[in-house]
Amino acid sequence: MVTFIVVDHTKSKIDIYQSILPQIQSLLEGENDLIANIANVSAALKMSFPSFSWVGFYLKKGNELILGPFQGKPACVRIAVGKGVCGTAAERKSTVIVPDVTRFPGHIACDSDSRSEIVVPMMKGDLLGVLDIDSVKVNNFDETDKMYLEKLLHILIEESF
């Protein structure tokens, strides 16, 4: 069964998250394939937030993050753990919010239009990968995004494993 995500873009960021989280949980329900689930999560987030220019996952393999399903422009395929925003979040195993990517030392510019970024680690005991979201707007991400995206990844892990 396909669940269609319904979003009212005139609502606040909090209202959109509160609306889409149960819809995404329904979309993931009963499916335990991680790749299928992260593909749908990427699509649902990208369509829900017009300010998100790129949404996708990098999966940890060895000491690298390898590009997984995403929505947006073509992206960097391999990122070393500890490098760039994604690698930093992977190394720290904690969410990293970058208000202005031009001020992040070592930022990897896969998309020259990206201005701000949030990267959330995907954990199940150990690091599985990261959720990476870019915006063409400076200072687009905050603690609200962090809280709801961490909740979303918890739902994703519960449904996928």
N, C-alpha and C. Protein backbone atom coordinates (compact mmCIF):
# COMPACT_ATOMS: atom_id res chain seq x y z
N MET A 1 0.83 -1.18 0.00
CA MET A 1 0.00 0.00 0.00
C MET A 1 0.88 1.25 0.00
N VAL A 2 0.59 2.20 -0.84
CA VAL A 2 1.34 3.44 -0.91
C VAL A 2 0.64 4.49 -0.06
N THR A 3 1.41 5.17 0.77
CA THR A 3 0.90 6.26 1.56
C THR A 3 1.35 7.56 0.91
N PHE A 4 0.46 8.46 0.68
CA PHE A 4 0.80 9.73 0.07
C PHE A 4 0.99 10.77 1.17
N ILE A 5 2.10 11.46 1.12
CA ILE A 5 2.40 12.49 2.09
C ILE A 5 1.65 13.75 1.69
N VAL A 6 0.87 14.28 2.62
CA VAL A 6 0.11 15.50 2.38
C VAL A 6 0.69 16.60 3.26
N VAL A 7 1.10 17.71 2.64
CA VAL A 7 1.75 18.79 3.37
C VAL A 7 1.12 20.12 2.99
N ASP A 8 0.90 20.95 4.00
CA ASP A 8 0.44 22.32 3.79
C ASP A 8 1.64 23.23 4.03
N HIS A 9 2.24 23.74 2.95
CA HIS A 9 3.45 24.54 3.06
C HIS A 9 3.22 25.91 3.69
N THR A 10 1.97 26.27 3.97
CA THR A 10 1.71 27.55 4.63
C THR A 10 1.85 27.43 6.15
N LYS A 11 1.97 26.21 6.64
CA LYS A 11 2.07 26.00 8.09
C LYS A 11 3.50 26.23 8.57
N SER A 12 3.64 26.32 9.89
CA SER A 12 4.96 26.52 10.50
C SER A 12 5.80 25.24 10.36
N LYS A 13 7.09 25.38 10.55
CA LYS A 13 8.01 24.25 10.49
C LYS A 13 7.58 23.15 11.48
N ILE A 14 7.24 23.55 12.69
CA ILE A 14 6.81 22.58 13.71
C ILE A 14 5.55 21.85 13.25
N ASP A 15 4.59 22.60 12.74
CA ASP A 15 3.34 21.98 12.26
C ASP A 15 3.61 20.99 11.13
N ILE A 16 4.53 21.34 10.23
CA ILE A 16 4.85 20.43 9.12
C ILE A 16 5.48 19.15 9.67
N TYR A 17 6.44 19.28 10.56
CA TYR A 17 7.05 18.08 11.14
C TYR A 17 6.01 17.23 11.86
N GLN A 18 5.16 17.87 12.66
CA GLN A 18 4.13 17.12 13.39
C GLN A 18 3.15 16.43 12.45
N SER A 19 2.94 17.00 11.30
CA SER A 19 2.05 16.41 10.30
C SER A 19 2.71 15.25 9.56
N ILE A 20 3.98 15.43 9.17
CA ILE A 20 4.60 14.41 8.32
C ILE A 20 5.18 13.22 9.09
N LEU A 21 5.55 13.39 10.36
CA LEU A 21 6.13 12.24 11.08
C LEU A 21 5.19 11.04 11.12
N PRO A 22 3.93 11.19 11.50
CA PRO A 22 3.06 10.02 11.47
C PRO A 22 2.80 9.50 10.05
N GLN A 23 2.80 10.41 9.08
CA GLN A 23 2.62 9.97 7.69
C GLN A 23 3.82 9.15 7.22
N ILE A 24 5.03 9.59 7.59
CA ILE A 24 6.23 8.83 7.22
C ILE A 24 6.25 7.50 7.95
N GLN A 25 5.86 7.50 9.23
CA GLN A 25 5.81 6.23 9.97
C GLN A 25 4.87 5.25 9.29
N SER A 26 3.74 5.73 8.82
CA SER A 26 2.79 4.88 8.10
C SER A 26 3.40 4.38 6.80
N LEU A 27 4.14 5.23 6.12
CA LEU A 27 4.80 4.86 4.87
C LEU A 27 5.82 3.74 5.09
N LEU A 28 6.52 3.78 6.22
CA LEU A 28 7.57 2.80 6.52
C LEU A 28 7.03 1.51 7.14
N GLU A 29 5.83 1.58 7.70
CA GLU A 29 5.26 0.47 8.46
C GLU A 29 5.24 -0.82 7.65
N GLY A 30 5.81 -1.87 8.24
CA GLY A 30 5.79 -3.18 7.62
C GLY A 30 6.89 -3.40 6.60
N GLU A 31 7.69 -2.39 6.31
CA GLU A 31 8.80 -2.55 5.36
C GLU A 31 10.11 -2.51 6.14
N ASN A 32 10.91 -3.54 6.01
CA ASN A 32 12.16 -3.58 6.76
C ASN A 32 13.41 -3.44 5.88
N ASP A 33 13.24 -3.09 4.62
CA ASP A 33 14.39 -2.87 3.76
C ASP A 33 14.89 -1.44 3.95
N LEU A 34 16.12 -1.32 4.46
CA LEU A 34 16.67 -0.01 4.78
C LEU A 34 16.76 0.90 3.55
N ILE A 35 17.22 0.37 2.43
CA ILE A 35 17.38 1.20 1.23
C ILE A 35 16.03 1.74 0.76
N ALA A 36 15.02 0.88 0.71
CA ALA A 36 13.68 1.33 0.31
C ALA A 36 13.17 2.40 1.27
N ASN A 37 13.38 2.19 2.56
CA ASN A 37 12.89 3.14 3.55
C ASN A 37 13.60 4.48 3.49
N ILE A 38 14.93 4.47 3.33
CA ILE A 38 15.62 5.77 3.28
C ILE A 38 15.34 6.50 1.96
N ALA A 39 15.05 5.74 0.92
CA ALA A 39 14.65 6.38 -0.34
C ALA A 39 13.33 7.13 -0.13
N ASN A 40 12.37 6.50 0.51
CA ASN A 40 11.08 7.15 0.75
C ASN A 40 11.19 8.30 1.74
N VAL A 41 12.02 8.17 2.76
CA VAL A 41 12.21 9.26 3.71
C VAL A 41 12.82 10.47 3.00
N SER A 42 13.81 10.24 2.15
CA SER A 42 14.43 11.33 1.40
C SER A 42 13.39 12.08 0.57
N ALA A 43 12.58 11.32 -0.14
CA ALA A 43 11.55 11.93 -0.99
C ALA A 43 10.52 12.69 -0.16
N ALA A 44 10.08 12.09 0.94
CA ALA A 44 9.06 12.73 1.77
C ALA A 44 9.56 14.04 2.37
N LEU A 45 10.80 14.05 2.85
CA LEU A 45 11.35 15.28 3.43
C LEU A 45 11.54 16.35 2.36
N LYS A 46 12.06 15.97 1.22
CA LYS A 46 12.32 16.95 0.14
C LYS A 46 11.01 17.61 -0.31
N MET A 47 9.95 16.82 -0.45
CA MET A 47 8.69 17.40 -0.91
C MET A 47 7.97 18.18 0.19
N SER A 48 8.30 17.92 1.44
CA SER A 48 7.62 18.58 2.55
C SER A 48 8.17 19.96 2.88
N PHE A 49 9.43 20.17 2.55
CA PHE A 49 10.09 21.44 2.91
C PHE A 49 10.71 22.07 1.66
N PRO A 50 10.05 23.06 1.07
CA PRO A 50 10.58 23.71 -0.13
C PRO A 50 11.97 24.32 0.07
N SER A 51 12.33 24.63 1.31
CA SER A 51 13.65 25.22 1.58
C SER A 51 14.78 24.19 1.57
N PHE A 52 14.45 22.89 1.53
CA PHE A 52 15.48 21.85 1.48
C PHE A 52 15.88 21.64 0.01
N SER A 53 17.12 21.94 -0.32
CA SER A 53 17.57 21.78 -1.69
C SER A 53 18.11 20.38 -1.97
N TRP A 54 18.57 19.68 -0.94
CA TRP A 54 19.12 18.33 -1.09
C TRP A 54 18.83 17.56 0.18
N VAL A 55 18.31 16.34 0.03
CA VAL A 55 18.02 15.47 1.17
C VAL A 55 18.49 14.07 0.80
N GLY A 56 19.34 13.50 1.63
CA GLY A 56 19.79 12.15 1.33
C GLY A 56 20.57 11.52 2.46
N PHE A 57 20.95 10.29 2.19
CA PHE A 57 21.66 9.49 3.18
C PHE A 57 23.03 9.08 2.66
N TYR A 58 23.96 9.03 3.57
CA TYR A 58 25.26 8.41 3.35
C TYR A 58 25.35 7.24 4.31
N LEU A 59 25.74 6.08 3.80
CA LEU A 59 25.83 4.87 4.62
C LEU A 59 27.29 4.56 4.93
N LYS A 60 27.55 4.20 6.18
CA LYS A 60 28.93 3.95 6.62
C LYS A 60 29.40 2.59 6.13
N LYS A 61 30.54 2.60 5.48
CA LYS A 61 31.22 1.37 5.06
C LYS A 61 32.70 1.57 5.37
N GLY A 62 33.20 0.80 6.33
CA GLY A 62 34.57 1.01 6.76
C GLY A 62 34.72 2.38 7.38
N ASN A 63 35.70 3.14 6.90
CA ASN A 63 35.94 4.48 7.42
C ASN A 63 35.45 5.56 6.46
N GLU A 64 34.45 5.18 5.66
CA GLU A 64 33.88 6.12 4.69
C GLU A 64 32.36 6.15 4.79
N LEU A 65 31.80 7.23 4.29
CA LEU A 65 30.37 7.36 4.09
C LEU A 65 30.14 7.28 2.59
N ILE A 66 29.28 6.35 2.17
CA ILE A 66 29.01 6.13 0.76
C ILE A 66 27.60 6.63 0.45
N LEU A 67 27.48 7.38 -0.64
CA LEU A 67 26.20 7.95 -1.04
C LEU A 67 25.12 6.88 -1.16
N GLY A 68 23.99 7.15 -0.55
CA GLY A 68 22.81 6.29 -0.65
C GLY A 68 21.69 7.04 -1.34
N PRO A 69 20.47 6.60 -1.16
CA PRO A 69 19.33 7.28 -1.78
C PRO A 69 19.25 8.76 -1.38
N PHE A 70 18.88 9.60 -2.36
CA PHE A 70 18.78 11.03 -2.12
C PHE A 70 17.82 11.66 -3.10
N GLN A 71 17.48 12.91 -2.82
CA GLN A 71 16.67 13.77 -3.69
C GLN A 71 17.43 15.07 -3.85
N GLY A 72 17.73 15.45 -5.09
CA GLY A 72 18.43 16.69 -5.35
C GLY A 72 19.47 16.51 -6.43
N LYS A 73 20.38 17.46 -6.53
CA LYS A 73 21.45 17.43 -7.53
C LYS A 73 22.40 16.26 -7.26
N PRO A 74 23.13 15.80 -8.29
CA PRO A 74 24.14 14.78 -8.06
C PRO A 74 25.08 15.20 -6.93
N ALA A 75 25.59 14.20 -6.21
CA ALA A 75 26.33 14.49 -4.98
C ALA A 75 27.67 13.77 -4.94
N CYS A 76 28.48 14.17 -3.98
CA CYS A 76 29.75 13.49 -3.70
C CYS A 76 29.43 12.04 -3.35
N VAL A 77 30.21 11.11 -3.87
CA VAL A 77 29.93 9.69 -3.65
C VAL A 77 30.55 9.17 -2.36
N ARG A 78 31.77 9.57 -2.06
CA ARG A 78 32.47 9.07 -0.88
C ARG A 78 32.96 10.23 -0.02
N ILE A 79 32.72 10.13 1.27
CA ILE A 79 33.19 11.12 2.23
C ILE A 79 33.87 10.37 3.37
N ALA A 80 35.09 10.75 3.67
CA ALA A 80 35.81 10.11 4.77
C ALA A 80 35.20 10.53 6.10
N VAL A 81 35.09 9.58 7.03
CA VAL A 81 34.64 9.91 8.38
C VAL A 81 35.63 10.94 8.93
N GLY A 82 35.10 12.04 9.48
CA GLY A 82 35.93 13.11 9.99
C GLY A 82 36.11 14.27 9.03
N LYS A 83 35.68 14.12 7.79
CA LYS A 83 35.84 15.17 6.78
C LYS A 83 34.49 15.81 6.46
N GLY A 84 34.49 17.12 6.28
CA GLY A 84 33.27 17.83 5.94
C GLY A 84 32.23 17.75 7.05
N VAL A 85 31.05 18.23 6.76
CA VAL A 85 29.97 18.24 7.76
C VAL A 85 29.49 16.81 8.02
N CYS A 86 29.30 16.02 6.95
CA CYS A 86 28.84 14.64 7.12
C CYS A 86 29.84 13.81 7.91
N GLY A 87 31.09 13.92 7.54
CA GLY A 87 32.12 13.15 8.23
C GLY A 87 32.31 13.57 9.67
N THR A 88 32.11 14.86 9.94
CA THR A 88 32.20 15.36 11.32
C THR A 88 31.06 14.80 12.17
N ALA A 89 29.83 14.83 11.64
CA ALA A 89 28.69 14.27 12.38
C ALA A 89 28.89 12.77 12.61
N ALA A 90 29.44 12.08 11.61
CA ALA A 90 29.69 10.64 11.75
C ALA A 90 30.74 10.38 12.83
N GLU A 91 31.80 11.16 12.83
CA GLU A 91 32.87 10.98 13.81
C GLU A 91 32.37 11.28 15.23
N ARG A 92 31.62 12.35 15.38
CA ARG A 92 31.10 12.75 16.70
C ARG A 92 29.90 11.90 17.14
N LYS A 93 29.23 11.28 16.16
CA LYS A 93 28.00 10.55 16.41
C LYS A 93 26.95 11.46 17.06
N SER A 94 26.93 12.69 16.57
CA SER A 94 25.94 13.66 17.04
C SER A 94 25.58 14.60 15.89
N THR A 95 24.40 15.19 16.00
CA THR A 95 23.89 16.09 14.97
C THR A 95 24.75 17.34 14.87
N VAL A 96 25.02 17.75 13.63
CA VAL A 96 25.77 18.97 13.37
C VAL A 96 24.89 19.90 12.54
N ILE A 97 24.71 21.12 13.05
CA ILE A 97 23.97 22.17 12.34
C ILE A 97 24.98 23.22 11.92
N VAL A 98 24.98 23.54 10.62
CA VAL A 98 25.89 24.55 10.08
C VAL A 98 25.05 25.69 9.50
N PRO A 99 24.98 26.83 10.21
CA PRO A 99 24.17 27.94 9.73
C PRO A 99 24.65 28.52 8.40
N ASP A 100 25.97 28.53 8.19
CA ASP A 100 26.55 29.09 6.96
C ASP A 100 27.73 28.20 6.57
N VAL A 101 27.55 27.41 5.51
CA VAL A 101 28.58 26.43 5.13
C VAL A 101 29.89 27.10 4.71
N THR A 102 29.85 28.37 4.31
CA THR A 102 31.09 29.05 3.92
C THR A 102 31.98 29.31 5.14
N ARG A 103 31.43 29.15 6.32
CA ARG A 103 32.19 29.38 7.55
C ARG A 103 32.54 28.08 8.28
N PHE A 104 32.28 26.95 7.63
CA PHE A 104 32.61 25.65 8.23
C PHE A 104 33.95 25.19 7.67
N PRO A 105 34.98 25.12 8.50
CA PRO A 105 36.29 24.68 8.00
C PRO A 105 36.22 23.27 7.42
N GLY A 106 36.69 23.13 6.20
CA GLY A 106 36.71 21.82 5.57
C GLY A 106 35.39 21.41 4.92
N HIS A 107 34.47 22.36 4.78
CA HIS A 107 33.19 22.03 4.13
C HIS A 107 33.45 21.48 2.73
N ILE A 108 32.77 20.39 2.39
CA ILE A 108 32.88 19.78 1.07
C ILE A 108 31.72 20.31 0.24
N ALA A 109 32.04 21.07 -0.78
CA ALA A 109 31.00 21.73 -1.58
C ALA A 109 30.58 20.84 -2.75
N CYS A 110 29.67 19.92 -2.48
CA CYS A 110 29.11 19.09 -3.56
C CYS A 110 28.17 19.93 -4.41
N ASP A 111 27.49 20.89 -3.80
CA ASP A 111 26.55 21.77 -4.49
C ASP A 111 26.93 23.21 -4.15
N SER A 112 27.37 23.96 -5.12
CA SER A 112 27.83 25.33 -4.88
C SER A 112 26.69 26.25 -4.42
N ASP A 113 25.43 25.83 -4.59
CA ASP A 113 24.29 26.64 -4.16
C ASP A 113 23.94 26.44 -2.68
N SER A 114 24.49 25.42 -2.06
CA SER A 114 24.18 25.12 -0.66
C SER A 114 24.71 26.23 0.24
N ARG A 115 23.86 26.67 1.20
CA ARG A 115 24.25 27.73 2.13
C ARG A 115 24.21 27.30 3.59
N SER A 116 23.35 26.35 3.92
CA SER A 116 23.31 25.83 5.29
C SER A 116 23.04 24.34 5.22
N GLU A 117 23.33 23.65 6.34
CA GLU A 117 23.26 22.19 6.32
C GLU A 117 23.00 21.66 7.72
N ILE A 118 22.31 20.52 7.77
CA ILE A 118 22.17 19.75 9.00
C ILE A 118 22.47 18.30 8.66
N VAL A 119 23.24 17.65 9.52
CA VAL A 119 23.57 16.25 9.34
C VAL A 119 23.25 15.52 10.64
N VAL A 120 22.44 14.47 10.53
CA VAL A 120 21.97 13.72 11.69
C VAL A 120 22.47 12.28 11.57
N PRO A 121 23.21 11.79 12.57
CA PRO A 121 23.68 10.41 12.51
C PRO A 121 22.54 9.41 12.66
N MET A 122 22.67 8.31 11.95
CA MET A 122 21.70 7.21 12.03
C MET A 122 22.40 6.10 12.82
N MET A 123 21.87 5.85 14.03
CA MET A 123 22.54 4.93 14.96
C MET A 123 21.66 3.73 15.30
N LYS A 124 22.28 2.58 15.35
CA LYS A 124 21.67 1.39 15.95
C LYS A 124 22.83 0.64 16.61
N GLY A 125 23.09 1.01 17.87
CA GLY A 125 24.27 0.52 18.55
C GLY A 125 25.48 1.29 18.08
N ASP A 126 25.82 1.17 16.80
CA ASP A 126 26.92 1.91 16.20
C ASP A 126 26.38 2.75 15.04
N LEU A 127 27.24 3.51 14.45
CA LEU A 127 26.85 4.37 13.35
C LEU A 127 26.54 3.56 12.10
N LEU A 128 25.35 3.76 11.53
CA LEU A 128 24.96 3.13 10.26
C LEU A 128 25.18 4.07 9.08
N GLY A 129 25.05 5.36 9.35
CA GLY A 129 25.17 6.36 8.30
C GLY A 129 24.68 7.69 8.81
N VAL A 130 24.42 8.61 7.88
CA VAL A 130 23.93 9.94 8.26
C VAL A 130 22.85 10.39 7.30
N LEU A 131 21.95 11.20 7.82
CA LEU A 131 20.98 11.94 7.02
C LEU A 131 21.55 13.33 6.81
N ASP A 132 21.67 13.73 5.56
CA ASP A 132 22.26 15.03 5.21
C ASP A 132 21.19 15.87 4.51
N ILE A 133 20.99 17.09 4.99
CA ILE A 133 20.03 17.99 4.37
C ILE A 133 20.69 19.34 4.16
N ASP A 134 20.59 19.84 2.93
CA ASP A 134 21.14 21.15 2.56
C ASP A 134 20.00 22.11 2.24
N SER A 135 20.32 23.40 2.36
CA SER A 135 19.38 24.44 1.98
C SER A 135 20.12 25.55 1.24
N VAL A 136 19.43 26.20 0.33
CA VAL A 136 20.01 27.36 -0.36
C VAL A 136 19.88 28.62 0.51
N LYS A 137 19.24 28.49 1.66
CA LYS A 137 19.07 29.62 2.58
C LYS A 137 20.10 29.51 3.70
N VAL A 138 20.73 30.62 4.04
CA VAL A 138 21.61 30.68 5.20
C VAL A 138 20.76 30.54 6.46
N ASN A 139 21.28 29.85 7.45
CA ASN A 139 20.63 29.72 8.76
C ASN A 139 19.23 29.09 8.66
N ASN A 140 19.09 28.08 7.82
CA ASN A 140 17.78 27.45 7.63
C ASN A 140 17.45 26.42 8.70
N PHE A 141 18.45 25.89 9.40
CA PHE A 141 18.23 24.79 10.34
C PHE A 141 18.47 25.23 11.77
N ASP A 142 17.70 24.62 12.68
CA ASP A 142 17.80 24.98 14.10
C ASP A 142 17.49 23.77 14.97
N GLU A 143 17.31 24.01 16.24
CA GLU A 143 17.04 22.93 17.20
C GLU A 143 15.72 22.22 16.92
N THR A 144 14.77 22.91 16.31
CA THR A 144 13.51 22.27 15.93
C THR A 144 13.77 21.17 14.91
N ASP A 145 14.55 21.50 13.87
CA ASP A 145 14.90 20.48 12.87
C ASP A 145 15.64 19.32 13.53
N LYS A 146 16.60 19.64 14.37
CA LYS A 146 17.39 18.61 15.05
C LYS A 146 16.47 17.64 15.80
N MET A 147 15.57 18.19 16.61
CA MET A 147 14.68 17.36 17.43
C MET A 147 13.80 16.46 16.55
N TYR A 148 13.16 17.03 15.56
CA TYR A 148 12.24 16.24 14.74
C TYR A 148 12.97 15.27 13.82
N LEU A 149 14.12 15.65 13.29
CA LEU A 149 14.86 14.73 12.42
C LEU A 149 15.44 13.57 13.23
N GLU A 150 15.86 13.83 14.46
CA GLU A 150 16.32 12.73 15.32
C GLU A 150 15.17 11.78 15.64
N LYS A 151 13.98 12.33 15.89
CA LYS A 151 12.79 11.48 16.09
C LYS A 151 12.50 10.65 14.85
N LEU A 152 12.59 11.29 13.70
CA LEU A 152 12.33 10.60 12.44
C LEU A 152 13.31 9.44 12.24
N LEU A 153 14.59 9.65 12.52
CA LEU A 153 15.56 8.56 12.35
C LEU A 153 15.31 7.44 13.35
N HIS A 154 14.82 7.78 14.53
CA HIS A 154 14.44 6.73 15.49
C HIS A 154 13.31 5.87 14.90
N ILE A 155 12.32 6.49 14.31
CA ILE A 155 11.22 5.77 13.67
C ILE A 155 11.77 4.92 12.52
N LEU A 156 12.62 5.49 11.71
CA LEU A 156 13.22 4.77 10.59
C LEU A 156 13.96 3.52 11.05
N ILE A 157 14.77 3.64 12.07
CA ILE A 157 15.54 2.49 12.60
C ILE A 157 14.60 1.44 13.16
N GLU A 158 13.59 1.86 13.90
CA GLU A 158 12.62 0.91 14.47
C GLU A 158 11.92 0.10 13.38
N GLU A 159 11.57 0.75 12.28
CA GLU A 159 10.85 0.07 11.20
C GLU A 159 11.76 -0.76 10.32
N SER A 160 13.03 -0.38 10.22
CA SER A 160 13.94 -1.01 9.26
C SER A 160 14.73 -2.19 9.83
N PHE A 161 14.73 -2.34 11.15
CA PHE A 161 15.52 -3.43 11.76
C PHE A 161 14.70 -4.24 12.74
